Amino acid sequence: MTRRVFITGAASGLGLALAREYLAAGDEVILTDLHAEAPPSVRELNGQWRYLKLDVTDDEDWAAAVRTVDSLDILINNAGIAVGGRLDATSMDSWQRIVDINLLGVVRGCKALVPTLGRGGRVVITASAAGLVHAPHMGAYNATKAAAVALAETLDAELRPRGISASVICPLFFRSGLADSLSGDDPKADEAARMLLSKTPLTSEKVAARSARAIQARRLVITPDALSTVTWYSKRFTRVPFLAGTRLIGRVVERRS
């Protein structure tokens, strides 16, 4: 049976890779992003799709989306940005922006479109391993992604009685367009993040394929790569060595700064 899938931040990176996964499965996909018209990355897609301009921080854009979407099977709140740097180097403007996109953008999406999901529906939030384990010099990003994990767990408990499940995707670093959103408040932290995002062998396509399978299986917390799984389990089951490791990273980074 053809499903209808709605994806935010779908013109690049993981959102676009997830769209390709669902289109290949024969589903209908509604792709949304900031562009006024579908960009080339979207126009080259095969299958049954349509594009909507959507800024996840704009209530009017969400209201327009609601008017064009009467029912969904899968809602994927994927849009997000990255902010790196120490707490004292991160501006309040950067904090406001990342909270408005990474957290409140998801809240807006769920409030607008969860009512369109029927029994068997799925709500998906793209978070990060940073929402599960919290490295230094990433306070704003860690905080919003941890909030996204908490929101997904809360939604799952609220919606399961209606036959709707929630999943939260928590990959470690993978190649995507996320580096383009770095704020520039802490240039050294941004440089380190760009290196990690560019040097990793993990791709958006691999994360999307593994995540789609886990969403189908109704898994709540999805760690789609080995390293995110290892770090999360390390924090859960070997907490003292894990904390010692993160504090050591903090000391090393401080000396280099």
Foldseek 3Di string as FASTA:
>chain_A
DAFEEEEEPQLWFLNVLLVLVSQVVQHEYEYEYQDCARDPSVVPHDGHYYYAYDDLLDLVSLVVVLVVDQAGQEYELEDAAAEFFAPVLDDVVNLVVRCSRLPVSLVSSCVRHVVRHAANGEYEYEAALLLQDPAHRRVSNSVSSVNVLVVQVVVQVVCVVRNYAYAYEHEYAEAICRLVRYDPSDVVGSVVNVVSNPPDPHGSNQSSVQVVVVVNVRDHYHYSDDVSVVLNVCCVPVVVVSVVVSVVVVVVVVVVD
